[in-house]
Amino acid sequence: MSQDTLSQVLRSVRLRGAVFYHVEGSARWVSESPPAAEVAALIMPGVEHVMAYHVLTHGECWASVIGESPVALREGDVVIFPRGDPHVMSSEPGMRGTVDLTPYELPRPEQLPFFASRQGESLSMSRLDRDSERHAATLVCGFFGCDANPFNPLLASLPHLLHVPARAGADHDWIAHFIRFALSESTDKRPGGEALLERLSEAMFVELMRRYLEAIPEEQSNWLAGLRDRHVGRALALLHQRPGEAWTIDRLADFIGLSRSALHERFARFTGHAPMHYLAKWRMQVAAGLLRQSSASVASIALEVGYESEAAFSRAFRRETGLPPATWRREQTRLAERESLY
């Protein structure tokens, strides 16, 4: 398995984490959330794709994508909605609430997170008391943000609802650490607390991906499962580590130790792409990062990602993004400037 490939993808798609809400549910309660795309500009401006997550720090509750079967959560469990689906968190299965955009539209407090208390469908943006034992459930809720374009192979590998149960007795577990820090920083907001929680939530996401990868059934075929496959994982590692090389299917097959046809079939089964098609898409993701983060010329970036001419690179980049590289770079600069105003 290539753990480094996962790290490279997460860096390339600019994974970001944020903790926004400390939620207390009392007695019978329900909270219904809209599609993440509807509130993305309010909560993480400038981010292409947003995923809501909830960490249950006390008690029990239920989570469900609208229209799907609910999942029971126990203390220490985490649930993510990777596709940004509308969803419900509630004290009992099958409950529905009314979408309330108030928590997303409130002026940002001096320091995050917000406090929110739920009783039935009613919402109070203040803490009722500090005794968690009186609450049916307490949760730390936030969002993960990442790029979806030009190419994010991870997103298609994730389910609509990802439930990661707590591990018993895991004193050195990232999620257990996150819960302790999140509760501490939520109660006693200290300088640097937001940055600490952001970094910890990003680390938690990586740990959640590892656990999900470990739990994927042997017969499942997707990009994440491909990392675990001996041959596909090696091929992915080579393409990600050396995207600018003059790869061919024959050369890659020689490195992997499979025939050309066997590599093509196996790689496509796990990733949904032929190896060279996958490489072309990954090159555009690498190029997007270089365009965004450096002042290098389009011609030099073209060479770095394996294109012998600027014209060929520009055509390929436009096919994936709809914009020529120089125009795309200007648009990204404009978006970054707008994001910095928030």
Protein backbone atom coordinates (compact mmCIF):
# COMPACT_ATOMS: atom_id res chain seq x y z
CA MET A 1 0.00 0.00 0.00
CA SER A 2 1.26 3.47 -0.78
CA GLN A 3 0.45 5.78 2.12
CA ASP A 4 2.52 8.46 0.39
CA THR A 5 0.12 8.53 -2.56
CA LEU A 6 -2.71 9.41 -0.18
CA SER A 7 -0.56 12.14 1.39
CA GLN A 8 0.31 13.56 -2.02
CA VAL A 9 -3.33 13.70 -3.05
CA LEU A 10 -4.41 15.35 0.21
CA ARG A 11 -1.70 18.00 -0.17
CA SER A 12 -2.53 18.56 -3.82
CA VAL A 13 -6.25 19.03 -3.26
CA ARG A 14 -5.52 21.42 -0.37
CA LEU A 15 -7.32 19.63 2.46
CA ARG A 16 -8.46 22.11 5.09
CA GLY A 17 -10.28 21.54 8.34
CA ALA A 18 -12.34 23.85 10.51
CA VAL A 19 -14.28 23.46 13.73
CA PHE A 20 -17.26 25.76 13.92
CA TYR A 21 -19.84 24.42 16.32
CA HIS A 22 -20.07 22.84 19.75
CA VAL A 23 -23.61 21.42 19.85
CA GLU A 24 -25.60 20.22 22.85
CA GLY A 25 -28.77 18.18 22.35
CA SER A 26 -31.24 18.02 25.21
CA ALA A 27 -34.03 15.46 25.55
CA ARG A 28 -35.65 14.82 22.14
CA TRP A 29 -33.79 16.89 19.52
CA VAL A 30 -33.20 17.08 15.79
CA SER A 31 -31.01 19.14 13.47
CA GLU A 32 -31.42 19.05 9.69
CA SER A 33 -28.64 20.45 7.50
CA PRO A 34 -28.87 21.64 3.88
CA PRO A 35 -26.56 20.46 1.09
CA ALA A 36 -23.07 21.69 1.86
CA ALA A 37 -22.91 23.49 -1.49
CA GLU A 38 -25.69 25.83 -0.30
CA VAL A 39 -23.66 27.12 2.65
CA ALA A 40 -20.11 26.66 1.37
CA ALA A 41 -19.68 30.36 0.54
CA LEU A 42 -20.79 31.27 4.07
CA ILE A 43 -18.64 28.83 6.01
CA MET A 44 -15.54 28.34 3.86
CA PRO A 45 -15.47 31.02 1.15
CA GLY A 46 -13.33 30.17 -1.84
CA VAL A 47 -13.38 26.41 -1.17
CA GLU A 48 -14.65 24.23 -4.02
CA HIS A 49 -15.96 21.24 -2.07
CA VAL A 50 -17.15 21.10 1.54
CA MET A 51 -17.83 18.04 3.71
CA ALA A 52 -19.64 18.29 7.05
CA TYR A 53 -18.45 16.17 9.96
CA HIS A 54 -19.72 15.48 13.48
CA VAL A 55 -17.80 14.01 16.41
CA LEU A 56 -20.00 12.65 19.18
CA THR A 57 -18.24 13.59 22.43
CA HIS A 58 -20.96 12.46 24.83
CA GLY A 59 -24.08 10.31 24.73
CA GLU A 60 -25.79 8.72 21.75
CA CYS A 61 -27.55 9.95 18.61
CA TRP A 62 -28.44 9.07 15.01
CA ALA A 63 -27.12 10.31 11.68
CA SER A 64 -28.59 9.92 8.21
CA VAL A 65 -28.47 11.26 4.69
CA ILE A 66 -31.94 12.50 3.77
CA GLY A 67 -33.90 9.55 2.39
CA GLU A 68 -31.43 6.92 3.58
CA SER A 69 -31.39 4.61 6.61
CA PRO A 70 -30.12 6.21 9.85
CA VAL A 71 -26.90 5.09 11.55
CA ALA A 72 -26.53 4.85 15.33
CA LEU A 73 -23.61 6.77 16.86
CA ARG A 74 -21.96 6.12 20.20
CA GLU A 75 -19.60 8.29 22.22
CA GLY A 76 -16.33 8.83 20.33
CA ASP A 77 -17.82 8.00 16.91
CA VAL A 78 -17.30 10.26 13.91
CA VAL A 79 -19.58 10.68 10.92
CA ILE A 80 -18.65 12.52 7.71
CA PHE A 81 -20.84 13.40 4.73
CA PRO A 82 -18.14 13.36 2.00
CA ARG A 83 -20.47 14.19 -0.91
CA GLY A 84 -21.96 17.20 0.86
CA ASP A 85 -25.45 15.65 1.09
CA PRO A 86 -28.28 17.18 3.15
CA HIS A 87 -28.47 15.21 6.38
CA VAL A 88 -30.08 14.85 9.78
CA MET A 89 -28.59 14.46 13.25
CA SER A 90 -31.14 13.49 15.88
CA SER A 91 -31.81 11.83 19.21
CA GLU A 92 -34.03 9.17 17.60
CA PRO A 93 -33.99 7.44 14.21
CA GLY A 94 -36.29 8.69 11.48
CA MET A 95 -36.73 12.23 12.78
CA ARG A 96 -36.88 15.20 10.40
CA GLY A 97 -36.33 18.85 11.15
CA THR A 98 -36.55 22.16 9.35
CA VAL A 99 -33.46 23.54 7.68
CA ASP A 100 -32.34 26.65 9.56
CA LEU A 101 -29.59 28.73 7.95
CA THR A 102 -29.22 30.97 11.01
CA PRO A 103 -26.10 29.21 12.37
CA TYR A 104 -24.32 29.74 9.05
CA GLU A 105 -25.30 33.40 8.69
CA LEU A 106 -24.41 34.65 12.18
CA PRO A 107 -21.57 37.15 12.54
CA ARG A 108 -18.37 35.32 13.33
CA PRO A 109 -17.61 35.36 17.08
CA GLU A 110 -14.34 36.75 18.37
CA GLN A 111 -13.07 33.18 18.44
CA LEU A 112 -14.65 29.99 17.12
CA PRO A 113 -16.39 27.67 17.77
CA PHE A 114 -20.00 28.76 18.13
CA PHE A 115 -22.08 27.22 20.89
CA ALA A 116 -25.44 25.78 19.89
CA SER A 117 -28.09 24.09 22.03
CA ARG A 118 -30.86 21.96 20.56
CA GLN A 119 -34.17 21.13 22.22
CA GLY A 120 -36.64 19.54 19.82
CA GLU A 121 -36.30 21.65 16.67
CA SER A 122 -35.55 24.84 18.60
CA LEU A 123 -32.06 26.29 18.39
CA SER A 124 -30.27 28.53 20.85
CA MET A 125 -26.86 29.91 19.95
CA SER A 126 -25.71 29.87 23.55
CA ARG A 127 -24.74 27.30 26.10
CA LEU A 128 -27.50 26.27 28.49
CA ASP A 129 -25.19 24.81 31.13
CA ARG A 130 -21.76 23.22 31.45
CA ASP A 131 -22.89 19.82 32.73
CA SER A 132 -22.71 17.44 29.75
CA GLU A 133 -24.29 14.68 31.81
CA ARG A 134 -27.57 16.57 31.55
CA HIS A 135 -27.51 16.41 27.77
CA ALA A 136 -28.64 13.52 25.61
CA ALA A 137 -25.67 14.23 23.37
CA THR A 138 -22.87 16.70 22.78
CA LEU A 139 -21.08 17.05 19.46
CA VAL A 140 -18.20 18.93 17.94
CA CYS A 141 -19.19 19.78 14.38
CA GLY A 142 -17.21 21.26 11.54
CA PHE A 143 -16.22 21.04 7.93
CA PHE A 144 -13.48 19.71 5.73
CA GLY A 145 -12.77 21.64 2.56
CA CYS A 146 -10.81 20.60 -0.52
CA ASP A 147 -10.43 21.17 -4.24
CA ALA A 148 -12.67 19.09 -6.48
CA ASN A 149 -11.07 20.21 -9.75
CA PRO A 150 -9.24 19.65 -11.99
CA PHE A 151 -8.90 16.13 -10.50
CA ASN A 152 -9.56 14.76 -7.03
CA PRO A 153 -9.53 10.93 -7.21
CA LEU A 154 -10.33 10.55 -3.51
CA LEU A 155 -13.84 12.03 -3.52
CA ALA A 156 -15.37 9.41 -5.81
CA SER A 157 -14.02 6.68 -3.49
CA LEU A 158 -15.97 7.89 -0.48
CA PRO A 159 -19.55 6.98 0.42
CA HIS A 160 -22.35 9.46 1.01
CA LEU A 161 -22.13 8.76 4.75
CA LEU A 162 -18.89 7.60 6.34
CA HIS A 163 -19.27 6.32 9.91
CA VAL A 164 -16.06 5.62 11.83
CA PRO A 165 -16.73 3.99 15.23
CA ALA A 166 -14.61 4.84 18.25
CA ARG A 167 -11.84 2.47 19.23
CA ALA A 168 -12.03 1.16 22.78
CA GLY A 169 -9.09 2.06 24.99
CA ALA A 170 -7.29 4.04 22.28
CA ASP A 171 -5.36 6.46 24.50
CA HIS A 172 -2.99 7.39 21.68
CA ASP A 173 -5.70 7.69 19.05
CA TRP A 174 -5.89 10.89 16.97
CA ILE A 175 -9.66 11.08 17.34
CA ALA A 176 -9.52 10.71 21.13
CA HIS A 177 -6.93 13.50 21.23
CA PHE A 178 -9.09 15.65 18.97
CA ILE A 179 -12.11 15.20 21.24
CA ARG A 180 -10.13 16.21 24.32
CA PHE A 181 -8.64 19.28 22.64
CA ALA A 182 -11.91 20.29 21.03
CA LEU A 183 -13.79 20.15 24.32
CA SER A 184 -11.04 22.08 26.07
CA GLU A 185 -10.79 24.78 23.41
CA SER A 186 -14.57 25.07 23.15
CA THR A 187 -14.93 25.69 26.87
CA ASP A 188 -11.85 27.84 27.46
CA LYS A 189 -11.09 29.74 24.28
CA ARG A 190 -7.36 30.41 24.39
CA PRO A 191 -5.09 32.20 21.92
CA GLY A 192 -4.22 29.94 18.98
CA GLY A 193 -7.13 27.63 19.67
CA GLU A 194 -8.69 27.96 16.23
CA ALA A 195 -5.43 27.14 14.44
CA LEU A 196 -4.87 24.17 16.74
CA LEU A 197 -8.32 22.76 16.07
CA GLU A 198 -7.95 23.29 12.32
CA ARG A 199 -4.69 21.34 12.21
CA LEU A 200 -6.02 18.62 14.50
CA SER A 201 -9.15 18.21 12.38
CA GLU A 202 -7.00 17.79 9.27
CA ALA A 203 -4.96 15.11 11.05
CA MET A 204 -8.21 13.47 12.12
CA PHE A 205 -9.36 13.34 8.50
CA VAL A 206 -6.19 11.47 7.51
CA GLU A 207 -6.75 9.00 10.35
CA LEU A 208 -10.37 8.53 9.27
CA MET A 209 -9.23 7.76 5.72
CA ARG A 210 -6.77 5.19 7.08
CA ARG A 211 -9.47 3.48 9.10
CA TYR A 212 -11.86 3.49 6.18
CA LEU A 213 -9.14 2.01 3.98
CA GLU A 214 -8.50 -0.74 6.52
CA ALA A 215 -12.20 -1.59 6.61
CA ILE A 216 -12.83 -1.69 2.84
CA PRO A 217 -13.91 -5.24 1.86
CA GLU A 218 -11.43 -7.16 -0.26
CA GLU A 219 -13.86 -7.35 -3.17
CA GLN A 220 -14.45 -3.58 -3.32
CA SER A 221 -12.85 -1.74 -6.22
CA ASN A 222 -12.27 2.01 -5.98
CA TRP A 223 -9.33 4.39 -5.86
CA LEU A 224 -8.70 3.96 -2.14
CA ALA A 225 -8.85 0.18 -2.45
CA GLY A 226 -6.39 0.52 -5.32
CA LEU A 227 -3.82 1.97 -2.91
CA ARG A 228 -3.98 -1.31 -1.03
CA ASP A 229 -3.59 -3.46 -4.15
CA ARG A 230 -0.03 -4.65 -4.75
CA HIS A 231 0.09 -3.78 -8.44
CA VAL A 232 -2.26 -0.81 -8.70
CA GLY A 233 -0.84 0.77 -5.56
CA ARG A 234 2.66 0.59 -7.04
CA ALA A 235 1.47 2.06 -10.35
CA LEU A 236 -0.31 4.91 -8.58
CA ALA A 237 2.78 5.63 -6.49
CA LEU A 238 4.99 5.87 -9.59
CA LEU A 239 2.59 8.13 -11.48
CA HIS A 240 2.10 10.42 -8.49
CA GLN A 241 5.76 10.61 -7.57
CA ARG A 242 7.01 11.17 -11.13
CA PRO A 243 4.17 12.74 -13.17
CA GLY A 244 6.55 14.58 -15.49
CA GLU A 245 8.25 11.44 -16.82
CA ALA A 246 7.57 10.15 -20.31
CA TRP A 247 5.42 7.26 -19.15
CA THR A 248 3.89 4.77 -21.55
CA ILE A 249 1.68 1.83 -20.66
CA ASP A 250 4.50 -0.53 -21.68
CA ARG A 251 7.08 1.23 -19.50
CA LEU A 252 4.74 1.34 -16.52
CA ALA A 253 3.86 -2.34 -16.95
CA ASP A 254 7.57 -3.23 -16.96
CA PHE A 255 8.03 -1.42 -13.65
CA ILE A 256 5.02 -3.14 -12.11
CA GLY A 257 5.78 -6.61 -13.39
CA LEU A 258 2.50 -7.16 -15.22
CA SER A 259 1.62 -7.46 -18.87
CA ARG A 260 0.27 -4.36 -20.56
CA SER A 261 -3.25 -5.79 -20.82
CA ALA A 262 -3.28 -7.05 -17.23
CA LEU A 263 -2.16 -3.69 -15.86
CA HIS A 264 -4.72 -1.84 -17.99
CA GLU A 265 -7.58 -4.06 -16.80
CA ARG A 266 -6.57 -4.03 -13.13
CA PHE A 267 -5.85 -0.29 -12.99
CA ALA A 268 -9.13 0.62 -14.72
CA ARG A 269 -11.10 -1.67 -12.38
CA PHE A 270 -9.86 0.19 -9.31
CA THR A 271 -9.59 3.77 -10.58
CA GLY A 272 -12.13 3.97 -13.38
CA HIS A 273 -9.43 5.22 -15.77
CA ALA A 274 -6.85 3.73 -18.08
CA PRO A 275 -3.35 4.38 -16.66
CA MET A 276 -2.36 7.02 -19.21
CA HIS A 277 -5.73 8.75 -18.96
CA TYR A 278 -5.32 8.84 -15.19
CA LEU A 279 -1.81 10.28 -15.61
CA ALA A 280 -3.11 13.02 -17.89
CA LYS A 281 -5.72 14.05 -15.32
CA TRP A 282 -3.23 13.96 -12.44
CA ARG A 283 -0.79 16.10 -14.43
CA MET A 284 -3.51 18.76 -14.67
CA GLN A 285 -3.98 18.68 -10.89
CA VAL A 286 -0.23 19.11 -10.37
CA ALA A 287 -0.16 21.90 -12.93
CA ALA A 288 -3.05 23.65 -11.20
CA GLY A 289 -1.07 23.70 -7.97
CA LEU A 290 1.96 25.15 -9.71
CA LEU A 291 -0.12 27.81 -11.44
CA ARG A 292 -1.75 28.76 -8.16
CA GLN A 293 1.28 28.69 -5.89
CA SER A 294 4.18 29.80 -8.10
CA SER A 295 5.05 32.53 -10.56
CA ALA A 296 6.57 30.05 -13.02
CA SER A 297 5.70 30.57 -16.66
CA VAL A 298 3.08 28.40 -18.34
CA ALA A 299 5.80 27.01 -20.62
CA SER A 300 7.98 25.88 -17.70
CA ILE A 301 5.01 24.32 -15.91
CA ALA A 302 4.14 22.46 -19.10
CA LEU A 303 7.62 20.93 -19.18
CA GLU A 304 7.49 20.06 -15.48
CA VAL A 305 4.32 18.02 -15.87
CA GLY A 306 5.49 16.16 -18.95
CA TYR A 307 4.42 18.22 -21.97
CA GLU A 308 6.95 19.07 -24.67
CA SER A 309 5.04 22.13 -25.90
CA GLU A 310 3.08 24.88 -24.20
CA ALA A 311 0.35 24.58 -26.82
CA ALA A 312 -0.27 20.88 -26.12
CA PHE A 313 -0.36 21.54 -22.38
CA SER A 314 -2.75 24.47 -22.79
CA ARG A 315 -5.16 22.35 -24.84
CA ALA A 316 -5.09 19.58 -22.24
CA PHE A 317 -5.57 22.01 -19.35
CA ARG A 318 -8.50 23.69 -21.07
CA ARG A 319 -10.19 20.32 -21.66
CA GLU A 320 -10.13 19.64 -17.90
CA THR A 321 -10.91 23.11 -16.52
CA GLY A 322 -12.66 24.95 -19.35
CA LEU A 323 -10.06 27.75 -19.19
CA PRO A 324 -6.59 28.31 -20.63
CA PRO A 325 -3.83 28.12 -17.96
CA ALA A 326 -3.12 31.87 -17.83
CA THR A 327 -6.83 32.73 -17.51
CA TRP A 328 -7.33 30.04 -14.87
CA ARG A 329 -4.38 31.45 -12.88
CA ARG A 330 -5.85 34.97 -12.93
CA GLU A 331 -9.22 33.62 -11.79
CA GLN A 332 -7.59 31.75 -8.90
CA THR A 333 -5.72 34.89 -7.85
CA ARG A 334 -8.98 36.82 -7.85
CA LEU A 335 -10.70 34.16 -5.73
CA ALA A 336 -7.83 34.07 -3.25
CA GLU A 337 -7.97 37.86 -2.85
CA ARG A 338 -11.71 37.70 -2.22
CA GLU A 339 -11.27 34.88 0.31
CA SER A 340 -8.67 36.90 2.21
CA LEU A 341 -11.32 39.55 2.92
CA TYR A 342 -13.31 37.14 5.13
